[in-house]
């Protein structure tokens, strides 16, 4: 990676961002803010944003809850895998938000690690539950105890998410603060991989 791109800071001052030659893939549990933070991060970096879930729905002609209900989770994961592979094989650098289970799939995780920069938006249980409880379109949480289900997902997935290239803790702060933290973490990562070790 070499060179820089110019972005606009909140104070309208131009700032140099190390150049990206790979897509940034946001991973993490539902409610971590992958879509909302991803859109703002892409704008900050001056690149496009894509939501894998929207691309999956477009390809299937159905919503994700409808895919789960009609075909089950394995069929959804298969479609998810194909869509993410297609997006990462395209010669476009962007910010890509993925569903919470995408990085758990061995094949999907491998192509993300091979072709992109994985960034885990990590959040605690209470923060996630507060966010996801506002919406009713989470197929995996249609259980008798959704908070316990979410806790079980954290127990299984967090050790895998930890393999991401960048990890940023997301807390109950204004989204602009989180976006700034993520942006700085991306810059730090890019600088670290550009700088040869002694």
N, C-alpha and C. Protein backbone atom coordinates (compact mmCIF):
# COMPACT_ATOMS: atom_id res chain seq x y z
N UNK A 1 0.84 -1.18 0.00
CA UNK A 1 0.00 0.00 0.00
C UNK A 1 0.88 1.24 0.00
N UNK A 2 0.59 2.17 -0.86
CA UNK A 2 1.40 3.36 -0.91
C UNK A 2 0.56 4.54 -1.31
N UNK A 3 1.09 5.74 -1.05
CA UNK A 3 0.37 6.94 -1.42
C UNK A 3 -0.68 7.30 -0.39
N UNK A 4 -1.37 8.44 -0.64
CA UNK A 4 -2.42 8.87 0.26
C UNK A 4 -3.62 9.33 -0.53
N UNK A 5 -4.76 9.36 0.13
CA UNK A 5 -5.94 9.97 -0.45
C UNK A 5 -6.35 11.08 0.49
N UNK A 6 -7.02 12.09 -0.04
CA UNK A 6 -7.42 13.23 0.77
C UNK A 6 -8.88 13.11 1.14
N UNK A 7 -9.19 13.27 2.42
CA UNK A 7 -10.56 13.24 2.88
C UNK A 7 -10.86 14.54 3.59
N UNK A 8 -12.12 14.80 3.85
CA UNK A 8 -12.53 16.00 4.56
C UNK A 8 -12.78 15.67 6.03
N UNK A 9 -12.20 16.43 6.91
CA UNK A 9 -12.46 16.24 8.33
C UNK A 9 -13.71 17.00 8.71
N UNK A 10 -14.16 16.82 9.95
CA UNK A 10 -15.39 17.47 10.38
C UNK A 10 -15.25 18.98 10.36
N UNK A 11 -14.03 19.49 10.50
CA UNK A 11 -13.81 20.93 10.47
C UNK A 11 -13.52 21.44 9.08
N UNK A 12 -13.80 20.63 8.05
CA UNK A 12 -13.58 20.98 6.65
C UNK A 12 -12.10 21.17 6.33
N UNK A 13 -11.21 20.65 7.15
CA UNK A 13 -9.80 20.69 6.85
C UNK A 13 -9.44 19.38 6.16
N UNK A 14 -8.64 19.46 5.10
CA UNK A 14 -8.25 18.24 4.42
C UNK A 14 -7.23 17.49 5.25
N UNK A 15 -7.33 16.19 5.26
CA UNK A 15 -6.40 15.37 6.02
C UNK A 15 -5.99 14.19 5.16
N UNK A 16 -4.74 13.81 5.26
CA UNK A 16 -4.24 12.71 4.44
C UNK A 16 -4.56 11.38 5.11
N UNK A 17 -5.17 10.48 4.36
CA UNK A 17 -5.46 9.14 4.83
C UNK A 17 -4.60 8.17 4.02
N UNK A 18 -3.89 7.27 4.67
CA UNK A 18 -3.13 6.29 3.90
C UNK A 18 -4.03 5.59 2.88
N UNK A 19 -3.51 5.38 1.68
CA UNK A 19 -4.33 4.84 0.60
C UNK A 19 -4.75 3.40 0.87
N UNK A 20 -5.96 3.11 0.47
CA UNK A 20 -6.52 1.76 0.59
C UNK A 20 -6.37 1.03 -0.73
N UNK A 21 -5.94 -0.21 -0.69
CA UNK A 21 -5.98 -1.03 -1.89
C UNK A 21 -6.83 -2.29 -1.66
N UNK A 22 -7.52 -2.31 -0.52
CA UNK A 22 -8.40 -3.43 -0.20
C UNK A 22 -9.69 -2.91 0.41
N UNK A 23 -10.76 -3.66 0.19
CA UNK A 23 -12.04 -3.33 0.82
C UNK A 23 -11.94 -3.55 2.33
N UNK A 24 -12.61 -2.70 3.08
CA UNK A 24 -12.72 -2.87 4.53
C UNK A 24 -14.03 -3.60 4.80
N UNK A 25 -13.95 -4.77 5.41
CA UNK A 25 -15.13 -5.57 5.70
C UNK A 25 -15.44 -5.47 7.19
N UNK A 26 -16.62 -4.95 7.50
CA UNK A 26 -17.03 -4.84 8.90
C UNK A 26 -17.70 -6.13 9.34
N UNK A 27 -17.21 -6.68 10.45
CA UNK A 27 -17.77 -7.91 11.01
C UNK A 27 -18.19 -7.63 12.45
N UNK A 28 -19.04 -8.48 12.97
CA UNK A 28 -19.52 -8.31 14.33
C UNK A 28 -20.96 -8.77 14.46
N UNK A 29 -21.43 -8.84 15.69
CA UNK A 29 -22.79 -9.30 15.94
C UNK A 29 -23.83 -8.28 15.49
N UNK A 30 -25.05 -8.74 15.32
CA UNK A 30 -26.16 -7.85 15.04
C UNK A 30 -26.23 -6.78 16.13
N UNK A 31 -26.46 -5.55 15.71
CA UNK A 31 -26.54 -4.47 16.68
C UNK A 31 -25.22 -3.76 16.93
N UNK A 32 -24.13 -4.26 16.32
CA UNK A 32 -22.83 -3.63 16.53
C UNK A 32 -22.71 -2.30 15.80
N UNK A 33 -23.57 -2.08 14.81
CA UNK A 33 -23.54 -0.82 14.07
C UNK A 33 -22.82 -0.90 12.74
N UNK A 34 -22.72 -2.10 12.18
CA UNK A 34 -21.95 -2.28 10.96
C UNK A 34 -22.47 -1.43 9.80
N UNK A 35 -23.79 -1.38 9.64
CA UNK A 35 -24.35 -0.61 8.53
C UNK A 35 -24.26 0.89 8.77
N UNK A 36 -24.69 1.34 9.94
CA UNK A 36 -24.71 2.78 10.21
C UNK A 36 -23.30 3.36 10.29
N UNK A 37 -22.40 2.65 10.94
CA UNK A 37 -21.02 3.11 11.03
C UNK A 37 -20.33 2.96 9.68
N UNK A 38 -20.64 1.87 8.99
CA UNK A 38 -20.03 1.63 7.68
C UNK A 38 -20.32 2.73 6.68
N UNK A 39 -21.55 3.19 6.65
CA UNK A 39 -21.91 4.27 5.71
C UNK A 39 -21.09 5.53 6.00
N UNK A 40 -21.00 5.88 7.26
CA UNK A 40 -20.26 7.09 7.62
C UNK A 40 -18.76 6.93 7.43
N UNK A 41 -18.25 5.73 7.70
CA UNK A 41 -16.83 5.48 7.47
C UNK A 41 -16.50 5.60 5.99
N UNK A 42 -17.35 5.02 5.15
CA UNK A 42 -17.12 5.10 3.71
C UNK A 42 -17.10 6.55 3.24
N UNK A 43 -18.02 7.34 3.76
CA UNK A 43 -18.06 8.75 3.40
C UNK A 43 -16.78 9.45 3.84
N UNK A 44 -16.33 9.14 5.03
CA UNK A 44 -15.11 9.75 5.56
C UNK A 44 -13.90 9.37 4.71
N UNK A 45 -13.88 8.14 4.21
CA UNK A 45 -12.77 7.67 3.39
C UNK A 45 -12.91 8.04 1.92
N UNK A 46 -14.09 8.51 1.53
CA UNK A 46 -14.32 8.88 0.14
C UNK A 46 -14.48 7.70 -0.79
N UNK A 47 -15.03 6.59 -0.26
CA UNK A 47 -15.26 5.40 -1.07
C UNK A 47 -16.70 4.94 -0.91
N UNK A 48 -17.11 3.96 -1.69
CA UNK A 48 -18.49 3.49 -1.67
C UNK A 48 -18.75 2.57 -0.48
N UNK A 49 -20.02 2.49 -0.11
CA UNK A 49 -20.46 1.58 0.95
C UNK A 49 -21.43 0.57 0.35
N UNK A 50 -21.28 -0.69 0.77
CA UNK A 50 -22.18 -1.76 0.34
C UNK A 50 -22.58 -2.57 1.55
N UNK A 51 -23.86 -2.89 1.66
CA UNK A 51 -24.37 -3.74 2.72
C UNK A 51 -24.63 -5.12 2.13
N UNK A 52 -23.91 -6.13 2.61
CA UNK A 52 -24.05 -7.48 2.06
C UNK A 52 -25.48 -8.00 2.19
N UNK A 53 -26.15 -7.68 3.30
CA UNK A 53 -27.52 -8.18 3.49
C UNK A 53 -28.45 -7.64 2.39
N UNK A 54 -28.28 -6.38 2.02
CA UNK A 54 -29.11 -5.81 0.96
C UNK A 54 -28.81 -6.49 -0.37
N UNK A 55 -27.53 -6.77 -0.61
CA UNK A 55 -27.15 -7.46 -1.85
C UNK A 55 -27.70 -8.88 -1.89
N UNK A 56 -27.73 -9.55 -0.73
CA UNK A 56 -28.30 -10.90 -0.66
C UNK A 56 -29.79 -10.86 -0.97
N UNK A 57 -30.50 -9.89 -0.37
CA UNK A 57 -31.93 -9.77 -0.62
C UNK A 57 -32.21 -9.46 -2.08
N UNK A 58 -31.38 -8.61 -2.67
CA UNK A 58 -31.57 -8.27 -4.08
C UNK A 58 -31.36 -9.50 -4.96
N UNK A 59 -30.33 -10.29 -4.65
CA UNK A 59 -30.04 -11.48 -5.46
C UNK A 59 -31.12 -12.54 -5.31
N UNK A 60 -31.69 -12.65 -4.09
CA UNK A 60 -32.69 -13.69 -3.83
C UNK A 60 -34.10 -13.24 -4.18
N UNK A 61 -34.32 -11.94 -4.26
CA UNK A 61 -35.68 -11.44 -4.49
C UNK A 61 -36.57 -11.64 -3.29
N UNK A 62 -35.96 -11.79 -2.10
CA UNK A 62 -36.69 -11.99 -0.85
C UNK A 62 -35.96 -11.28 0.27
N UNK A 63 -36.68 -10.97 1.35
CA UNK A 63 -36.02 -10.42 2.52
C UNK A 63 -35.29 -11.54 3.25
N UNK A 64 -34.36 -11.16 4.13
CA UNK A 64 -33.62 -12.18 4.87
C UNK A 64 -34.55 -13.01 5.77
N UNK A 65 -35.50 -12.41 6.50
CA UNK A 65 -36.44 -13.25 7.25
C UNK A 65 -37.20 -14.22 6.36
N UNK A 66 -37.56 -13.80 5.15
CA UNK A 66 -38.27 -14.70 4.22
C UNK A 66 -37.36 -15.83 3.76
N UNK A 67 -36.07 -15.54 3.54
CA UNK A 67 -35.14 -16.59 3.14
C UNK A 67 -35.00 -17.62 4.25
N UNK A 68 -34.85 -17.15 5.49
CA UNK A 68 -34.74 -18.06 6.64
C UNK A 68 -35.98 -18.93 6.75
N UNK A 69 -37.15 -18.30 6.62
CA UNK A 69 -38.41 -19.04 6.80
C UNK A 69 -38.63 -20.06 5.69
N UNK A 70 -38.32 -19.69 4.45
CA UNK A 70 -38.60 -20.57 3.32
C UNK A 70 -37.55 -21.66 3.13
N UNK A 71 -36.28 -21.33 3.40
CA UNK A 71 -35.20 -22.26 3.03
C UNK A 71 -34.29 -22.66 4.19
N UNK A 72 -34.35 -21.92 5.31
CA UNK A 72 -33.50 -22.23 6.45
C UNK A 72 -32.16 -21.52 6.41
N UNK A 73 -31.46 -21.59 7.53
CA UNK A 73 -30.18 -20.87 7.64
C UNK A 73 -29.11 -21.40 6.70
N UNK A 74 -28.97 -22.73 6.47
CA UNK A 74 -27.91 -23.19 5.56
C UNK A 74 -28.03 -22.59 4.16
N UNK A 75 -29.25 -22.48 3.64
CA UNK A 75 -29.43 -21.89 2.32
C UNK A 75 -29.07 -20.42 2.33
N UNK A 76 -29.42 -19.74 3.42
CA UNK A 76 -29.05 -18.32 3.53
C UNK A 76 -27.54 -18.18 3.54
N UNK A 77 -26.84 -19.00 4.32
CA UNK A 77 -25.39 -18.89 4.40
C UNK A 77 -24.74 -19.17 3.05
N UNK A 78 -25.31 -20.09 2.30
CA UNK A 78 -24.76 -20.38 0.98
C UNK A 78 -24.87 -19.15 0.07
N UNK A 79 -26.03 -18.50 0.08
CA UNK A 79 -26.21 -17.29 -0.71
C UNK A 79 -25.32 -16.17 -0.23
N UNK A 80 -25.19 -16.05 1.09
CA UNK A 80 -24.33 -15.03 1.67
C UNK A 80 -22.88 -15.22 1.22
N UNK A 81 -22.43 -16.47 1.25
CA UNK A 81 -21.06 -16.78 0.85
C UNK A 81 -20.80 -16.37 -0.60
N UNK A 82 -21.75 -16.70 -1.48
CA UNK A 82 -21.57 -16.38 -2.90
C UNK A 82 -21.58 -14.87 -3.14
N UNK A 83 -22.46 -14.17 -2.45
CA UNK A 83 -22.55 -12.71 -2.64
C UNK A 83 -21.28 -12.02 -2.15
N UNK A 84 -20.80 -12.39 -0.98
CA UNK A 84 -19.59 -11.76 -0.44
C UNK A 84 -18.38 -12.06 -1.32
N UNK A 85 -18.28 -13.29 -1.80
CA UNK A 85 -17.18 -13.62 -2.71
C UNK A 85 -17.24 -12.75 -3.96
N UNK A 86 -18.42 -12.63 -4.54
CA UNK A 86 -18.56 -11.80 -5.74
C UNK A 86 -18.15 -10.36 -5.47
N UNK A 87 -18.60 -9.81 -4.35
CA UNK A 87 -18.28 -8.42 -4.03
C UNK A 87 -16.78 -8.22 -3.84
N UNK A 88 -16.13 -9.18 -3.21
CA UNK A 88 -14.70 -9.03 -2.94
C UNK A 88 -13.85 -9.34 -4.16
N UNK A 89 -14.39 -10.05 -5.13
CA UNK A 89 -13.64 -10.32 -6.36
C UNK A 89 -13.76 -9.17 -7.36
N UNK A 90 -14.71 -8.26 -7.13
CA UNK A 90 -14.82 -7.10 -8.00
C UNK A 90 -13.67 -6.14 -7.73
N UNK A 91 -13.12 -5.49 -8.76
CA UNK A 91 -11.96 -4.61 -8.58
C UNK A 91 -12.34 -3.23 -8.06
N UNK A 92 -13.06 -3.20 -6.94
CA UNK A 92 -13.53 -1.96 -6.35
C UNK A 92 -13.17 -1.97 -4.86
N UNK A 93 -12.59 -0.88 -4.38
CA UNK A 93 -12.29 -0.75 -2.96
C UNK A 93 -13.44 0.00 -2.30
N UNK A 94 -14.00 -0.56 -1.25
CA UNK A 94 -15.16 0.05 -0.58
C UNK A 94 -15.24 -0.44 0.86
N UNK A 95 -16.25 0.03 1.55
CA UNK A 95 -16.57 -0.48 2.88
C UNK A 95 -17.74 -1.44 2.73
N UNK A 96 -17.58 -2.65 3.23
CA UNK A 96 -18.60 -3.69 3.10
C UNK A 96 -19.05 -4.14 4.49
N UNK A 97 -20.33 -3.95 4.78
CA UNK A 97 -20.91 -4.44 6.03
C UNK A 97 -21.45 -5.85 5.80
N UNK A 98 -21.14 -6.76 6.71
CA UNK A 98 -21.61 -8.15 6.57
C UNK A 98 -22.52 -8.51 7.72
N UNK A 99 -23.29 -9.57 7.53
CA UNK A 99 -24.15 -10.09 8.59
C UNK A 99 -23.32 -10.72 9.69
N UNK A 100 -23.93 -10.88 10.86
CA UNK A 100 -23.20 -11.36 12.02
C UNK A 100 -22.60 -12.75 11.86
N UNK A 101 -23.21 -13.60 11.03
CA UNK A 101 -22.70 -14.96 10.88
C UNK A 101 -21.74 -15.15 9.74
N UNK A 102 -21.54 -14.12 8.92
CA UNK A 102 -20.72 -14.28 7.71
C UNK A 102 -19.29 -14.71 8.04
N UNK A 103 -18.68 -14.05 9.01
CA UNK A 103 -17.28 -14.32 9.33
C UNK A 103 -17.09 -15.69 9.99
N UNK A 104 -18.20 -16.29 10.44
CA UNK A 104 -18.12 -17.61 11.06
C UNK A 104 -17.96 -18.72 10.03
N UNK A 105 -18.34 -18.44 8.79
CA UNK A 105 -18.22 -19.42 7.72
C UNK A 105 -16.76 -19.51 7.28
N UNK A 106 -16.18 -20.70 7.31
CA UNK A 106 -14.75 -20.85 7.02
C UNK A 106 -14.37 -20.29 5.66
N UNK A 107 -15.17 -20.61 4.65
CA UNK A 107 -14.85 -20.16 3.29
C UNK A 107 -14.96 -18.65 3.17
N UNK A 108 -16.02 -18.09 3.75
CA UNK A 108 -16.21 -16.64 3.69
C UNK A 108 -15.10 -15.93 4.45
N UNK A 109 -14.76 -16.43 5.63
CA UNK A 109 -13.69 -15.82 6.42
C UNK A 109 -12.36 -15.86 5.66
N UNK A 110 -12.12 -16.96 4.96
CA UNK A 110 -10.86 -17.09 4.22
C UNK A 110 -10.76 -16.05 3.11
N UNK A 111 -11.84 -15.86 2.37
CA UNK A 111 -11.75 -14.89 1.28
C UNK A 111 -11.66 -13.46 1.81
N UNK A 112 -12.30 -13.20 2.97
CA UNK A 112 -12.16 -11.88 3.58
C UNK A 112 -10.70 -11.66 4.00
N UNK A 113 -10.11 -12.65 4.64
CA UNK A 113 -8.73 -12.53 5.08
C UNK A 113 -7.77 -12.40 3.90
N UNK A 114 -8.12 -13.03 2.80
CA UNK A 114 -7.25 -13.05 1.61
C UNK A 114 -7.34 -11.76 0.80
N UNK A 115 -8.56 -11.18 0.72
CA UNK A 115 -8.78 -10.08 -0.21
C UNK A 115 -9.14 -8.75 0.43
N UNK A 116 -9.33 -8.72 1.75
CA UNK A 116 -9.86 -7.51 2.38
C UNK A 116 -9.18 -7.26 3.72
N UNK A 117 -9.62 -6.20 4.37
CA UNK A 117 -9.21 -5.89 5.74
C UNK A 117 -10.44 -6.10 6.62
N UNK A 118 -10.37 -7.04 7.54
CA UNK A 118 -11.50 -7.32 8.42
C UNK A 118 -11.44 -6.40 9.64
N UNK A 119 -12.56 -5.75 9.93
CA UNK A 119 -12.64 -4.85 11.08
C UNK A 119 -13.82 -5.27 11.95
N UNK A 120 -13.50 -5.68 13.18
CA UNK A 120 -14.54 -6.15 14.11
C UNK A 120 -15.03 -4.99 14.95
N UNK A 121 -16.33 -4.71 14.86
CA UNK A 121 -16.98 -3.76 15.75
C UNK A 121 -17.47 -4.56 16.96
N UNK A 122 -16.77 -4.42 18.06
CA UNK A 122 -17.02 -5.22 19.26
C UNK A 122 -17.87 -4.42 20.25
N UNK A 123 -18.90 -5.05 20.78
CA UNK A 123 -19.78 -4.38 21.74
C UNK A 123 -20.16 -5.36 22.85
N UNK A 124 -20.52 -4.83 24.01
CA UNK A 124 -20.93 -5.69 25.11
C UNK A 124 -22.39 -6.11 24.95
N UNK A 125 -22.80 -7.07 25.76
CA UNK A 125 -24.13 -7.66 25.63
C UNK A 125 -25.24 -6.64 25.80
N UNK A 126 -25.16 -5.81 26.84
CA UNK A 126 -26.24 -4.86 27.10
C UNK A 126 -26.40 -3.85 25.96
N UNK A 127 -25.27 -3.41 25.41
CA UNK A 127 -25.33 -2.46 24.29
C UNK A 127 -25.99 -3.11 23.08
N UNK A 128 -25.59 -4.33 22.77
CA UNK A 128 -26.15 -5.03 21.62
C UNK A 128 -27.65 -5.28 21.81
N UNK A 129 -28.01 -5.76 23.00
CA UNK A 129 -29.40 -6.11 23.22
C UNK A 129 -30.30 -4.87 23.16
N UNK A 130 -29.81 -3.78 23.71
CA UNK A 130 -30.59 -2.53 23.65
C UNK A 130 -30.87 -2.14 22.20
N UNK A 131 -29.89 -2.33 21.34
CA UNK A 131 -30.04 -1.95 19.93
C UNK A 131 -30.94 -2.91 19.17
N UNK A 132 -30.71 -4.22 19.33
CA UNK A 132 -31.48 -5.18 18.52
C UNK A 132 -32.92 -5.30 19.00
N UNK A 133 -33.21 -4.97 20.24
CA UNK A 133 -34.57 -5.10 20.75
C UNK A 133 -35.51 -4.06 20.13
N UNK A 134 -34.95 -3.07 19.47
CA UNK A 134 -35.78 -2.05 18.82
C UNK A 134 -36.36 -2.55 17.50
N UNK A 135 -35.83 -3.67 16.99
CA UNK A 135 -36.28 -4.17 15.69
C UNK A 135 -36.73 -5.62 15.82
N UNK A 136 -37.64 -6.02 14.94
CA UNK A 136 -38.21 -7.37 15.02
C UNK A 136 -37.81 -8.24 13.84
N UNK A 137 -36.81 -7.82 13.07
CA UNK A 137 -36.45 -8.57 11.85
C UNK A 137 -35.16 -9.36 12.02
N UNK A 138 -34.94 -9.90 13.22
CA UNK A 138 -33.73 -10.69 13.50
C UNK A 138 -34.13 -12.16 13.63
N UNK A 139 -34.02 -12.95 12.58
CA UNK A 139 -34.48 -14.35 12.64
C UNK A 139 -33.84 -15.17 13.75
N UNK A 140 -32.56 -14.94 14.02
CA UNK A 140 -31.87 -15.75 15.03
C UNK A 140 -32.32 -15.42 16.44
N UNK A 141 -33.01 -14.29 16.62
CA UNK A 141 -33.46 -13.90 17.96
C UNK A 141 -34.93 -14.19 18.20
N UNK A 142 -35.57 -14.92 17.32
CA UNK A 142 -36.97 -15.28 17.53
C UNK A 142 -37.02 -16.51 18.43
N UNK A 143 -36.64 -16.31 19.68
CA UNK A 143 -36.58 -17.37 20.68
C UNK A 143 -37.30 -16.90 21.94
N UNK A 144 -37.47 -17.83 22.90
CA UNK A 144 -38.14 -17.47 24.16
C UNK A 144 -37.32 -16.48 24.98
N UNK A 145 -36.00 -16.54 24.86
CA UNK A 145 -35.13 -15.65 25.62
C UNK A 145 -34.08 -15.06 24.67
N UNK A 146 -34.44 -14.02 23.94
CA UNK A 146 -33.50 -13.48 22.94
C UNK A 146 -32.20 -12.96 23.53
N UNK A 147 -32.23 -12.45 24.76
CA UNK A 147 -30.98 -11.96 25.35
C UNK A 147 -30.02 -13.12 25.62
N UNK A 148 -30.55 -14.24 26.09
CA UNK A 148 -29.71 -15.42 26.31
C UNK A 148 -29.18 -15.94 24.99
N UNK A 149 -30.01 -15.89 23.95
CA UNK A 149 -29.57 -16.32 22.62
C UNK A 149 -28.43 -15.44 22.14
N UNK A 150 -28.56 -14.14 22.37
CA UNK A 150 -27.51 -13.20 21.97
C UNK A 150 -26.22 -13.48 22.74
N UNK A 151 -26.36 -13.79 24.02
CA UNK A 151 -25.18 -14.12 24.84
C UNK A 151 -24.50 -15.38 24.30
N UNK A 152 -25.28 -16.37 23.92
CA UNK A 152 -24.71 -17.60 23.37
C UNK A 152 -23.99 -17.33 22.05
N UNK A 153 -24.57 -16.45 21.23
CA UNK A 153 -23.92 -16.08 19.98
C UNK A 153 -22.58 -15.40 20.26
N UNK A 154 -22.55 -14.54 21.26
CA UNK A 154 -21.29 -13.87 21.64
C UNK A 154 -20.24 -14.89 22.05
N UNK A 155 -20.66 -15.87 22.87
CA UNK A 155 -19.71 -16.87 23.36
C UNK A 155 -19.09 -17.66 22.21
N UNK A 156 -19.89 -17.96 21.20
CA UNK A 156 -19.40 -18.74 20.06
C UNK A 156 -18.62 -17.90 19.06
N UNK A 157 -19.08 -16.70 18.84
CA UNK A 157 -18.53 -15.92 17.73
C UNK A 157 -17.36 -15.01 18.10
N UNK A 158 -17.34 -14.51 19.32
CA UNK A 158 -16.29 -13.54 19.65
C UNK A 158 -14.87 -14.11 19.49
N UNK A 159 -14.61 -15.36 19.88
CA UNK A 159 -13.26 -15.89 19.66
C UNK A 159 -12.88 -15.93 18.17
N UNK A 160 -13.86 -16.08 17.29
CA UNK A 160 -13.58 -16.11 15.85
C UNK A 160 -13.41 -14.69 15.31
N UNK A 161 -14.29 -13.78 15.74
CA UNK A 161 -14.16 -12.38 15.33
C UNK A 161 -12.79 -11.83 15.71
N UNK A 162 -12.21 -12.35 16.77
CA UNK A 162 -10.93 -11.84 17.27
C UNK A 162 -9.80 -12.01 16.26
N UNK A 163 -10.02 -12.79 15.21
CA UNK A 163 -9.01 -12.95 14.16
C UNK A 163 -8.98 -11.77 13.19
N UNK A 164 -9.90 -10.82 13.36
CA UNK A 164 -9.96 -9.67 12.46
C UNK A 164 -8.68 -8.85 12.53
N UNK A 165 -8.39 -8.13 11.45
CA UNK A 165 -7.18 -7.31 11.38
C UNK A 165 -7.24 -6.12 12.34
N UNK A 166 -8.44 -5.58 12.52
CA UNK A 166 -8.65 -4.40 13.36
C UNK A 166 -9.82 -4.69 14.30
N UNK A 167 -9.70 -4.29 15.56
CA UNK A 167 -10.78 -4.45 16.53
C UNK A 167 -11.06 -3.08 17.16
N UNK A 168 -12.31 -2.66 17.12
CA UNK A 168 -12.70 -1.39 17.72
C UNK A 168 -13.87 -1.63 18.66
N UNK A 169 -13.72 -1.21 19.90
CA UNK A 169 -14.81 -1.32 20.88
C UNK A 169 -15.85 -0.23 20.58
N UNK A 170 -17.11 -0.63 20.50
CA UNK A 170 -18.18 0.35 20.31
C UNK A 170 -18.99 0.44 21.60
N UNK A 171 -19.18 1.64 22.06
CA UNK A 171 -19.87 1.84 23.33
C UNK A 171 -21.06 2.77 23.13
N UNK A 172 -21.73 3.10 24.22
CA UNK A 172 -22.90 3.98 24.14
C UNK A 172 -22.45 5.44 24.10
N UNK A 173 -21.92 5.80 22.96
CA UNK A 173 -21.45 7.17 22.72
C UNK A 173 -22.05 7.63 21.40
N UNK A 174 -22.03 8.92 21.10
CA UNK A 174 -22.55 9.38 19.81
C UNK A 174 -21.87 8.65 18.66
N UNK A 175 -22.64 8.36 17.61
CA UNK A 175 -22.10 7.58 16.50
C UNK A 175 -20.90 8.27 15.86
N UNK A 176 -20.90 9.59 15.88
CA UNK A 176 -19.77 10.33 15.30
C UNK A 176 -18.47 9.99 16.03
N UNK A 177 -18.57 9.78 17.34
CA UNK A 177 -17.39 9.41 18.13
C UNK A 177 -16.88 8.04 17.71
N UNK A 178 -17.81 7.10 17.54
CA UNK A 178 -17.41 5.75 17.13
C UNK A 178 -16.81 5.76 15.73
N UNK A 179 -17.41 6.52 14.82
CA UNK A 179 -16.88 6.59 13.46
C UNK A 179 -15.46 7.15 13.48
N UNK A 180 -15.23 8.17 14.29
CA UNK A 180 -13.88 8.74 14.39
C UNK A 180 -12.90 7.72 14.94
N UNK A 181 -13.33 6.93 15.94
CA UNK A 181 -12.46 5.89 16.49
C UNK A 181 -12.13 4.83 15.45
N UNK A 182 -13.14 4.46 14.67
CA UNK A 182 -12.93 3.45 13.63
C UNK A 182 -12.00 3.99 12.56
N UNK A 183 -12.25 5.22 12.14
CA UNK A 183 -11.42 5.85 11.11
C UNK A 183 -9.96 5.91 11.56
N UNK A 184 -9.72 6.31 12.80
CA UNK A 184 -8.35 6.38 13.30
C UNK A 184 -7.72 4.99 13.38
N UNK A 185 -8.51 3.99 13.75
CA UNK A 185 -7.99 2.62 13.81
C UNK A 185 -7.60 2.12 12.42
N UNK A 186 -8.40 2.48 11.41
CA UNK A 186 -8.06 2.11 10.03
C UNK A 186 -6.76 2.78 9.61
N UNK A 187 -6.65 4.07 9.88
CA UNK A 187 -5.42 4.81 9.52
C UNK A 187 -4.20 4.20 10.21
N UNK A 188 -4.34 3.88 11.49
CA UNK A 188 -3.22 3.29 12.24
C UNK A 188 -2.82 1.95 11.62
N UNK A 189 -3.82 1.16 11.23
CA UNK A 189 -3.52 -0.14 10.62
C UNK A 189 -2.80 0.03 9.29
N UNK A 190 -3.29 0.95 8.46
CA UNK A 190 -2.67 1.16 7.15
C UNK A 190 -1.22 1.65 7.29
N UNK A 191 -1.01 2.53 8.25
CA UNK A 191 0.35 3.03 8.47
C UNK A 191 1.26 1.90 8.96
N UNK A 192 0.71 1.05 9.82
CA UNK A 192 1.53 -0.04 10.37
C UNK A 192 1.94 -1.04 9.30
N UNK A 193 1.05 -1.30 8.32
CA UNK A 193 1.42 -2.27 7.27
C UNK A 193 2.28 -1.63 6.21
N UNK A 194 2.26 -0.30 6.12
CA UNK A 194 3.13 0.39 5.16
C UNK A 194 4.55 0.56 5.70
N UNK A 195 4.67 0.61 7.03
CA UNK A 195 5.97 0.89 7.64
C UNK A 195 6.74 -0.42 7.83
N UNK A 196 7.87 -0.57 7.18
CA UNK A 196 8.64 -1.82 7.34
C UNK A 196 9.20 -1.93 8.76
N UNK A 197 9.23 -3.15 9.26
CA UNK A 197 9.79 -3.37 10.60
C UNK A 197 11.29 -3.33 10.55
N UNK A 198 11.88 -2.89 11.64
CA UNK A 198 13.35 -2.76 11.68
C UNK A 198 13.99 -4.13 11.78
